[in-house]
Amino acid sequence: MSYITDIPHFDGVLAPGVKLPAPAKRMIEFLGRVVSAASAVKPGQATVTDIACMKGTGKKGCQGAAEFVVVADKIKWRFSGCSNDGVISN
């Protein structure tokens, strides 16, 4: 599944007292980890990380690695073990 994310829309959603469904919280936490990792690499540099997939890593989860590249102020990411991928902007 592909995800297109405008990251400022998530500002403050993990603040104390905000109630979110568990899948939404995992997604937002995942996006934060990708943005944090991407801020430490040069644009155009493809990077493989140990960031876990949002599907989880259990028996039926994704066993792949999170891969991303920063291109033109966007982070393009994907997992090598499933169909999850996306673009994070702003």
PDB file of N, CA and C in Angstrom:
ATOM      1  N   MET A   1       0.842  -1.168   0.000  1.00  0.00           N
ATOM      2  CA  MET A   1       0.000   0.000   0.000  1.00  0.00           C
ATOM      3  C   MET A   1       0.888   1.231   0.000  1.00  0.00           C
ATOM      4  N   SER A   2       0.501   2.224  -0.762  1.00  0.00           N
ATOM      5  CA  SER A   2       1.269   3.474  -0.836  1.00  0.00           C
ATOM      6  C   SER A   2       0.647   4.549   0.048  1.00  0.00           C
ATOM      7  N   TYR A   3       1.491   5.299   0.719  1.00  0.00           N
ATOM      8  CA  TYR A   3       1.069   6.371   1.617  1.00  0.00           C
ATOM      9  C   TYR A   3       1.702   7.684   1.161  1.00  0.00           C
ATOM     10  N   ILE A   4       0.882   8.712   0.989  1.00  0.00           N
ATOM     11  CA  ILE A   4       1.371  10.052   0.667  1.00  0.00           C
ATOM     12  C   ILE A   4       1.100  10.904   1.909  1.00  0.00           C
ATOM     13  N   THR A   5       2.154  11.452   2.491  1.00  0.00           N
ATOM     14  CA  THR A   5       2.028  12.120   3.787  1.00  0.00           C
ATOM     15  C   THR A   5       2.546  13.548   3.741  1.00  0.00           C
ATOM     16  N   ASP A   6       1.726  14.487   4.201  1.00  0.00           N
ATOM     17  CA  ASP A   6       2.141  15.865   4.428  1.00  0.00           C
ATOM     18  C   ASP A   6       2.382  15.958   5.934  1.00  0.00           C
ATOM     19  N   ILE A   7       3.613  15.833   6.350  1.00  0.00           N
ATOM     20  CA  ILE A   7       3.964  15.625   7.755  1.00  0.00           C
ATOM     21  C   ILE A   7       3.448  16.705   8.713  1.00  0.00           C
ATOM     22  N   PRO A   8       3.318  17.995   8.330  1.00  0.00           N
ATOM     23  CA  PRO A   8       2.790  18.968   9.285  1.00  0.00           C
ATOM     24  C   PRO A   8       1.363  18.654   9.764  1.00  0.00           C
ATOM     25  N   HIS A   9       0.620  17.858   9.010  1.00  0.00           N
ATOM     26  CA  HIS A   9      -0.730  17.493   9.441  1.00  0.00           C
ATOM     27  C   HIS A   9      -0.720  16.666  10.718  1.00  0.00           C
ATOM     28  N   PHE A  10       0.424  16.089  11.063  1.00  0.00           N
ATOM     29  CA  PHE A  10       0.514  15.238  12.240  1.00  0.00           C
ATOM     30  C   PHE A  10       1.102  15.952  13.454  1.00  0.00           C
ATOM     31  N   ASP A  11       1.381  17.225  13.320  1.00  0.00           N
ATOM     32  CA  ASP A  11       1.964  17.992  14.416  1.00  0.00           C
ATOM     33  C   ASP A  11       1.040  17.970  15.630  1.00  0.00           C
ATOM     34  N   GLY A  12       1.553  17.498  16.750  1.00  0.00           N
ATOM     35  CA  GLY A  12       0.808  17.510  18.007  1.00  0.00           C
ATOM     36  C   GLY A  12      -0.108  16.322  18.241  1.00  0.00           C
ATOM     37  N   VAL A  13      -0.239  15.426  17.281  1.00  0.00           N
ATOM     38  CA  VAL A  13      -1.180  14.322  17.472  1.00  0.00           C
ATOM     39  C   VAL A  13      -0.708  13.281  18.486  1.00  0.00           C
ATOM     40  N   LEU A  14       0.570  13.283  18.822  1.00  0.00           N
ATOM     41  CA  LEU A  14       1.067  12.361  19.841  1.00  0.00           C
ATOM     42  C   LEU A  14       1.240  13.043  21.194  1.00  0.00           C
ATOM     43  N   ALA A  15       0.653  14.218  21.343  1.00  0.00           N
ATOM     44  CA  ALA A  15       0.744  14.951  22.601  1.00  0.00           C
ATOM     45  C   ALA A  15       0.016  14.177  23.703  1.00  0.00           C
ATOM     46  N   PRO A  16       0.459  14.354  24.952  1.00  0.00           N
ATOM     47  CA  PRO A  16      -0.221  13.674  26.062  1.00  0.00           C
ATOM     48  C   PRO A  16      -1.718  13.987  26.061  1.00  0.00           C
ATOM     49  N   GLY A  17      -2.509  12.971  26.306  1.00  0.00           N
ATOM     50  CA  GLY A  17      -3.956  13.148  26.371  1.00  0.00           C
ATOM     51  C   GLY A  17      -4.683  12.937  25.052  1.00  0.00           C
ATOM     52  N   VAL A  18      -3.956  12.920  23.948  1.00  0.00           N
ATOM     53  CA  VAL A  18      -4.585  12.681  22.645  1.00  0.00           C
ATOM     54  C   VAL A  18      -4.780  11.180  22.488  1.00  0.00           C
ATOM     55  N   LYS A  19      -6.029  10.780  22.229  1.00  0.00           N
ATOM     56  CA  LYS A  19      -6.323   9.354  22.075  1.00  0.00           C
ATOM     57  C   LYS A  19      -6.401   9.009  20.602  1.00  0.00           C
ATOM     58  N   LEU A  20      -5.632   8.007  20.227  1.00  0.00           N
ATOM     59  CA  LEU A  20      -5.596   7.537  18.839  1.00  0.00           C
ATOM     60  C   LEU A  20      -5.765   6.033  18.817  1.00  0.00           C
ATOM     61  N   PRO A  21      -6.347   5.507  17.746  1.00  0.00           N
ATOM     62  CA  PRO A  21      -6.348   4.050  17.590  1.00  0.00           C
ATOM     63  C   PRO A  21      -4.902   3.566  17.462  1.00  0.00           C
ATOM     64  N   ALA A  22      -4.625   2.371  17.949  1.00  0.00           N
ATOM     65  CA  ALA A  22      -3.261   1.829  17.923  1.00  0.00           C
ATOM     66  C   ALA A  22      -2.640   1.846  16.523  1.00  0.00           C
ATOM     67  N   PRO A  23      -3.364   1.459  15.455  1.00  0.00           N
ATOM     68  CA  PRO A  23      -2.737   1.497  14.124  1.00  0.00           C
ATOM     69  C   PRO A  23      -2.328   2.906  13.695  1.00  0.00           C
ATOM     70  N   ALA A  24      -3.128   3.905  14.044  1.00  0.00           N
ATOM     71  CA  ALA A  24      -2.793   5.290  13.693  1.00  0.00           C
ATOM     72  C   ALA A  24      -1.548   5.733  14.457  1.00  0.00           C
ATOM     73  N   LYS A  25      -1.467   5.370  15.718  1.00  0.00           N
ATOM     74  CA  LYS A  25      -0.302   5.737  16.523  1.00  0.00           C
ATOM     75  C   LYS A  25       0.964   5.084  15.966  1.00  0.00           C
ATOM     76  N   ARG A  26       0.883   3.800  15.590  1.00  0.00           N
ATOM     77  CA  ARG A  26       2.049   3.120  15.004  1.00  0.00           C
ATOM     78  C   ARG A  26       2.492   3.801  13.715  1.00  0.00           C
ATOM     79  N   MET A  27       1.530   4.203  12.901  1.00  0.00           N
ATOM     80  CA  MET A  27       1.845   4.866  11.637  1.00  0.00           C
ATOM     81  C   MET A  27       2.566   6.186  11.885  1.00  0.00           C
ATOM     82  N   ILE A  28       2.050   6.987  12.790  1.00  0.00           N
ATOM     83  CA  ILE A  28       2.652   8.286  13.090  1.00  0.00           C
ATOM     84  C   ILE A  28       4.044   8.114  13.695  1.00  0.00           C
ATOM     85  N   GLU A  29       4.200   7.160  14.586  1.00  0.00           N
ATOM     86  CA  GLU A  29       5.518   6.906  15.168  1.00  0.00           C
ATOM     87  C   GLU A  29       6.504   6.442  14.100  1.00  0.00           C
ATOM     88  N   PHE A  30       6.041   5.592  13.188  1.00  0.00           N
ATOM     89  CA  PHE A  30       6.878   5.142  12.088  1.00  0.00           C
ATOM     90  C   PHE A  30       7.339   6.324  11.242  1.00  0.00           C
ATOM     91  N   LEU A  31       6.399   7.188  10.855  1.00  0.00           N
ATOM     92  CA  LEU A  31       6.742   8.350  10.029  1.00  0.00           C
ATOM     93  C   LEU A  31       7.769   9.233  10.734  1.00  0.00           C
ATOM     94  N   GLY A  32       7.617   9.409  12.038  1.00  0.00           N
ATOM     95  CA  GLY A  32       8.583  10.196  12.811  1.00  0.00           C
ATOM     96  C   GLY A  32       9.974   9.588  12.781  1.00  0.00           C
ATOM     97  N   ARG A  33      10.053   8.253  12.887  1.00  0.00           N
ATOM     98  CA  ARG A  33      11.363   7.588  12.834  1.00  0.00           C
ATOM     99  C   ARG A  33      12.005   7.757  11.456  1.00  0.00           C
ATOM    100  N   VAL A  34      11.192   7.667  10.400  1.00  0.00           N
ATOM    101  CA  VAL A  34      11.740   7.844   9.051  1.00  0.00           C
ATOM    102  C   VAL A  34      12.249   9.269   8.869  1.00  0.00           C
ATOM    103  N   VAL A  35      11.460  10.265   9.276  1.00  0.00           N
ATOM    104  CA  VAL A  35      11.880  11.666   9.151  1.00  0.00           C
ATOM    105  C   VAL A  35      13.160  11.909   9.945  1.00  0.00           C
ATOM    106  N   SER A  36      13.229  11.379  11.143  1.00  0.00           N
ATOM    107  CA  SER A  36      14.427  11.550  11.968  1.00  0.00           C
ATOM    108  C   SER A  36      15.656  10.933  11.296  1.00  0.00           C
ATOM    109  N   ALA A  37      15.512   9.718  10.792  1.00  0.00           N
ATOM    110  CA  ALA A  37      16.639   9.058  10.120  1.00  0.00           C
ATOM    111  C   ALA A  37      17.030   9.795   8.843  1.00  0.00           C
ATOM    112  N   ALA A  38      16.048  10.265   8.102  1.00  0.00           N
ATOM    113  CA  ALA A  38      16.322  10.948   6.834  1.00  0.00           C
ATOM    114  C   ALA A  38      17.029  12.283   7.044  1.00  0.00           C
ATOM    115  N   SER A  39      16.806  12.909   8.189  1.00  0.00           N
ATOM    116  CA  SER A  39      17.445  14.199   8.441  1.00  0.00           C
ATOM    117  C   SER A  39      18.952  14.053   8.652  1.00  0.00           C
ATOM    118  N   ALA A  40      19.422  12.834   8.836  1.00  0.00           N
ATOM    119  CA  ALA A  40      20.843  12.603   9.092  1.00  0.00           C
ATOM    120  C   ALA A  40      21.617  12.175   7.851  1.00  0.00           C
ATOM    121  N   VAL A  41      20.961  12.130   6.686  1.00  0.00           N
ATOM    122  CA  VAL A  41      21.653  11.694   5.470  1.00  0.00           C
ATOM    123  C   VAL A  41      21.615  12.779   4.406  1.00  0.00           C
ATOM    124  N   LYS A  42      22.507  12.662   3.452  1.00  0.00           N
ATOM    125  CA  LYS A  42      22.572  13.633   2.358  1.00  0.00           C
ATOM    126  C   LYS A  42      21.466  13.360   1.345  1.00  0.00           C
ATOM    127  N   PRO A  43      20.902  14.415   0.749  1.00  0.00           N
ATOM    128  CA  PRO A  43      19.900  14.218  -0.301  1.00  0.00           C
ATOM    129  C   PRO A  43      20.461  13.330  -1.417  1.00  0.00           C
ATOM    130  N   GLY A  44      19.633  12.431  -1.894  1.00  0.00           N
ATOM    131  CA  GLY A  44      20.018  11.531  -2.966  1.00  0.00           C
ATOM    132  C   GLY A  44      20.699  10.263  -2.497  1.00  0.00           C
ATOM    133  N   GLN A  45      21.064  10.198  -1.222  1.00  0.00           N
ATOM    134  CA  GLN A  45      21.748   9.029  -0.678  1.00  0.00           C
ATOM    135  C   GLN A  45      20.716   7.984  -0.253  1.00  0.00           C
ATOM    136  N   ALA A  46      20.662   6.853  -0.939  1.00  0.00           N
ATOM    137  CA  ALA A  46      19.763   5.763  -0.559  1.00  0.00           C
ATOM    138  C   ALA A  46      20.252   5.170   0.754  1.00  0.00           C
ATOM    139  N   THR A  47      19.333   4.917   1.667  1.00  0.00           N
ATOM    140  CA  THR A  47      19.686   4.445   2.994  1.00  0.00           C
ATOM    141  C   THR A  47      18.796   3.274   3.394  1.00  0.00           C
ATOM    142  N   VAL A  48      19.392   2.253   3.967  1.00  0.00           N
ATOM    143  CA  VAL A  48      18.664   1.116   4.517  1.00  0.00           C
ATOM    144  C   VAL A  48      18.766   1.229   6.036  1.00  0.00           C
ATOM    145  N   THR A  49      17.639   1.066   6.729  1.00  0.00           N
ATOM    146  CA  THR A  49      17.615   1.226   8.180  1.00  0.00           C
ATOM    147  C   THR A  49      17.096  -0.037   8.853  1.00  0.00           C
ATOM    148  N   ASP A  50      17.079  -0.017  10.175  1.00  0.00           N
ATOM    149  CA  ASP A  50      16.491  -1.110  10.941  1.00  0.00           C
ATOM    150  C   ASP A  50      15.112  -0.717  11.480  1.00  0.00           C
ATOM    151  N   ILE A  51      14.503   0.298  10.898  1.00  0.00           N
ATOM    152  CA  ILE A  51      13.169   0.735  11.312  1.00  0.00           C
ATOM    153  C   ILE A  51      12.171  -0.368  10.975  1.00  0.00           C
ATOM    154  N   ALA A  52      11.370  -0.753  11.960  1.00  0.00           N
ATOM    155  CA  ALA A  52      10.395  -1.829  11.765  1.00  0.00           C
ATOM    156  C   ALA A  52       9.191  -1.346  10.959  1.00  0.00           C
ATOM    157  N   CYS A  53       8.630  -2.257  10.204  1.00  0.00           N
ATOM    158  CA  CYS A  53       7.447  -1.968   9.396  1.00  0.00           C
ATOM    159  C   CYS A  53       6.233  -1.738  10.298  1.00  0.00           C
ATOM    160  N   MET A  54       5.305  -0.949   9.805  1.00  0.00           N
ATOM    161  CA  MET A  54       4.066  -0.703  10.536  1.00  0.00           C
ATOM    162  C   MET A  54       3.236  -1.966  10.689  1.00  0.00           C
ATOM    163  N   LYS A  55       3.426  -2.925   9.799  1.00  0.00           N
ATOM    164  CA  LYS A  55       2.697  -4.197   9.875  1.00  0.00           C
ATOM    165  C   LYS A  55       3.157  -5.027  11.063  1.00  0.00           C
ATOM    166  N   GLY A  56       4.282  -4.674  11.633  1.00  0.00           N
ATOM    167  CA  GLY A  56       4.862  -5.463  12.712  1.00  0.00           C
ATOM    168  C   GLY A  56       5.822  -6.482  12.138  1.00  0.00           C
ATOM    169  N   THR A  57       6.539  -7.151  13.021  1.00  0.00           N
ATOM    170  CA  THR A  57       7.563  -8.101  12.574  1.00  0.00           C
ATOM    171  C   THR A  57       7.280  -9.508  13.066  1.00  0.00           C
ATOM    172  N   GLY A  58       6.072  -9.749  13.533  1.00  0.00           N
ATOM    173  CA  GLY A  58       5.715 -11.087  14.016  1.00  0.00           C
ATOM    174  C   GLY A  58       5.631 -12.087  12.885  1.00  0.00           C
ATOM    175  N   LYS A  59       5.016 -13.234  13.182  1.00  0.00           N
ATOM    176  CA  LYS A  59       4.908 -14.322  12.223  1.00  0.00           C
ATOM    177  C   LYS A  59       4.374 -13.876  10.866  1.00  0.00           C
ATOM    178  N   LYS A  60       3.338 -13.058  10.857  1.00  0.00           N
ATOM    179  CA  LYS A  60       2.725 -12.616   9.606  1.00  0.00           C
ATOM    180  C   LYS A  60       3.139 -11.208   9.215  1.00  0.00           C
ATOM    181  N   GLY A  61       4.034 -10.620   9.975  1.00  0.00           N
ATOM    182  CA  GLY A  61       4.463  -9.259   9.704  1.00  0.00           C
ATOM    183  C   GLY A  61       5.532  -9.186   8.626  1.00  0.00           C
ATOM    184  N   CYS A  62       5.970  -7.981   8.369  1.00  0.00           N
ATOM    185  CA  CYS A  62       7.001  -7.717   7.364  1.00  0.00           C
ATOM    186  C   CYS A  62       8.377  -7.948   7.978  1.00  0.00           C
ATOM    187  N   GLN A  63       9.186  -8.709   7.317  1.00  0.00           N
ATOM    188  CA  GLN A  63      10.553  -8.962   7.783  1.00  0.00           C
ATOM    189  C   GLN A  63      11.579  -8.105   7.042  1.00  0.00           C
ATOM    190  N   GLY A  64      11.104  -7.237   6.146  1.00  0.00           N
ATOM    191  CA  GLY A  64      12.003  -6.436   5.320  1.00  0.00           C
ATOM    192  C   GLY A  64      12.605  -5.254   6.048  1.00  0.00           C
ATOM    193  N   ALA A  65      13.514  -4.595   5.371  1.00  0.00           N
ATOM    194  CA  ALA A  65      14.194  -3.420   5.897  1.00  0.00           C
ATOM    195  C   ALA A  65      13.562  -2.157   5.326  1.00  0.00           C
ATOM    196  N   ALA A  66      13.513  -1.106   6.140  1.00  0.00           N
ATOM    197  CA  ALA A  66      13.027   0.187   5.670  1.00  0.00           C
ATOM    198  C   ALA A  66      14.128   0.843   4.855  1.00  0.00           C
ATOM    199  N   GLU A  67      13.786   1.257   3.655  1.00  0.00           N
ATOM    200  CA  GLU A  67      14.734   1.926   2.773  1.00  0.00           C
ATOM    201  C   GLU A  67      14.153   3.278   2.405  1.00  0.00           C
ATOM    202  N   PHE A  68      15.000   4.299   2.341  1.00  0.00           N
ATOM    203  CA  PHE A  68      14.494   5.606   1.928  1.00  0.00           C
ATOM    204  C   PHE A  68      15.573   6.394   1.215  1.00  0.00           C
ATOM    205  N   VAL A  69      15.116   7.425   0.503  1.00  0.00           N
ATOM    206  CA  VAL A  69      16.012   8.368  -0.153  1.00  0.00           C
ATOM    207  C   VAL A  69      15.330   9.729  -0.103  1.00  0.00           C
ATOM    208  N   VAL A  70      16.108  10.787   0.141  1.00  0.00           N
ATOM    209  CA  VAL A  70      15.582  12.154   0.151  1.00  0.00           C
ATOM    210  C   VAL A  70      15.823  12.744  -1.233  1.00  0.00           C
ATOM    211  N   VAL A  71      14.732  13.149  -1.876  1.00  0.00           N
ATOM    212  CA  VAL A  71      14.805  13.713  -3.226  1.00  0.00           C
ATOM    213  C   VAL A  71      13.901  14.936  -3.288  1.00  0.00           C
ATOM    214  N   ALA A  72      14.472  16.082  -3.652  1.00  0.00           N
ATOM    215  CA  ALA A  72      13.694  17.323  -3.840  1.00  0.00           C
ATOM    216  C   ALA A  72      12.766  17.609  -2.666  1.00  0.00           C
ATOM    217  N   ASP A  73      13.308  17.645  -1.457  1.00  0.00           N
ATOM    218  CA  ASP A  73      12.550  17.954  -0.240  1.00  0.00           C
ATOM    219  C   ASP A  73      11.460  16.946   0.075  1.00  0.00           C
ATOM    220  N   LYS A  74      11.564  15.743  -0.450  1.00  0.00           N
ATOM    221  CA  LYS A  74      10.615  14.674  -0.137  1.00  0.00           C
ATOM    222  C   LYS A  74      11.409  13.447   0.271  1.00  0.00           C
ATOM    223  N   ILE A  75      10.818  12.665   1.140  1.00  0.00           N
ATOM    224  CA  ILE A  75      11.419  11.403   1.542  1.00  0.00           C
ATOM    225  C   ILE A  75      10.611  10.291   0.887  1.00  0.00           C
ATOM    226  N   LYS A  76      11.262   9.536   0.030  1.00  0.00           N
ATOM    227  CA  LYS A  76      10.610   8.382  -0.594  1.00  0.00           C
ATOM    228  C   LYS A  76      11.058   7.154   0.182  1.00  0.00           C
ATOM    229  N   TRP A  77      10.099   6.370   0.693  1.00  0.00           N
ATOM    230  CA  TRP A  77      10.438   5.213   1.503  1.00  0.00           C
ATOM    231  C   TRP A  77       9.707   3.972   1.011  1.00  0.00           C
ATOM    232  N   ARG A  78      10.249   2.807   1.389  1.00  0.00           N
ATOM    233  CA  ARG A  78       9.605   1.533   1.075  1.00  0.00           C
ATOM    234  C   ARG A  78      10.189   0.446   1.970  1.00  0.00           C
ATOM    235  N   PHE A  79       9.486  -0.662   2.035  1.00  0.00           N
ATOM    236  CA  PHE A  79       9.989  -1.828   2.743  1.00  0.00           C
ATOM    237  C   PHE A  79      10.316  -2.913   1.745  1.00  0.00           C
ATOM    238  N   SER A  80      11.431  -3.572   1.956  1.00  0.00           N
ATOM    239  CA  SER A  80      11.856  -4.628   1.032  1.00  0.00           C
ATOM    240  C   SER A  80      11.061  -5.916   1.226  1.00  0.00           C
ATOM    241  N   GLY A  81      10.324  -6.033   2.334  1.00  0.00           N
ATOM    242  CA  GLY A  81       9.617  -7.275   2.618  1.00  0.00           C
ATOM    243  C   GLY A  81       8.117  -7.249   2.436  1.00  0.00           C
ATOM    244  N   CYS A  82       7.574  -6.117   1.990  1.00  0.00           N
ATOM    245  CA  CYS A  82       6.129  -6.024   1.771  1.00  0.00           C
ATOM    246  C   CYS A  82       5.848  -4.930   0.751  1.00  0.00           C
ATOM    247  N   SER A  83       4.588  -4.628   0.554  1.00  0.00           N
ATOM    248  CA  SER A  83       4.214  -3.645  -0.456  1.00  0.00           C
ATOM    249  C   SER A  83       4.071  -2.232   0.099  1.00  0.00           C
ATOM    250  N   ASN A  84       4.395  -2.011   1.370  1.00  0.00           N
ATOM    251  CA  ASN A  84       4.278  -0.668   1.939  1.00  0.00           C
ATOM    252  C   ASN A  84       5.352   0.260   1.383  1.00  0.00           C
ATOM    253  N   ASP A  85       4.922   1.434   0.916  1.00  0.00           N
ATOM    254  CA  ASP A  85       5.848   2.451   0.458  1.00  0.00           C
ATOM    255  C   ASP A  85       5.142   3.807   0.535  1.00  0.00           C
ATOM    256  N   GLY A  86       5.884   4.867   0.312  1.00  0.00           N
ATOM    257  CA  GLY A  86       5.249   6.166   0.356  1.00  0.00           C
ATOM    258  C   GLY A  86       6.213   7.323   0.173  1.00  0.00           C
ATOM    259  N   VAL A  87       5.634   8.513   0.293  1.00  0.00           N
ATOM    260  CA  VAL A  87       6.373   9.765   0.167  1.00  0.00           C
ATOM    261  C   VAL A  87       5.947  10.663   1.324  1.00  0.00           C
ATOM    262  N   ILE A  88       6.938  11.249   1.993  1.00  0.00           N
ATOM    263  CA  ILE A  88       6.700  12.214   3.066  1.00  0.00           C
ATOM    264  C   ILE A  88       7.189  13.569   2.560  1.00  0.00           C
ATOM    265  N   SER A  89       6.334  14.589   2.696  1.00  0.00           N
ATOM    266  CA  SER A  89       6.736  15.930   2.246  1.00  0.00           C
ATOM    267  C   SER A  89       6.528  16.954   3.354  1.00  0.00           C
ATOM    268  N   ASN A  90       7.126  18.123   3.119  1.00  0.00           N
ATOM    269  CA  ASN A  90       7.051  19.310   3.986  1.00  0.00           C
ATOM    270  C   ASN A  90       7.685  19.056   5.322  1.00  0.00           C
TER     271      ASN A  90
END
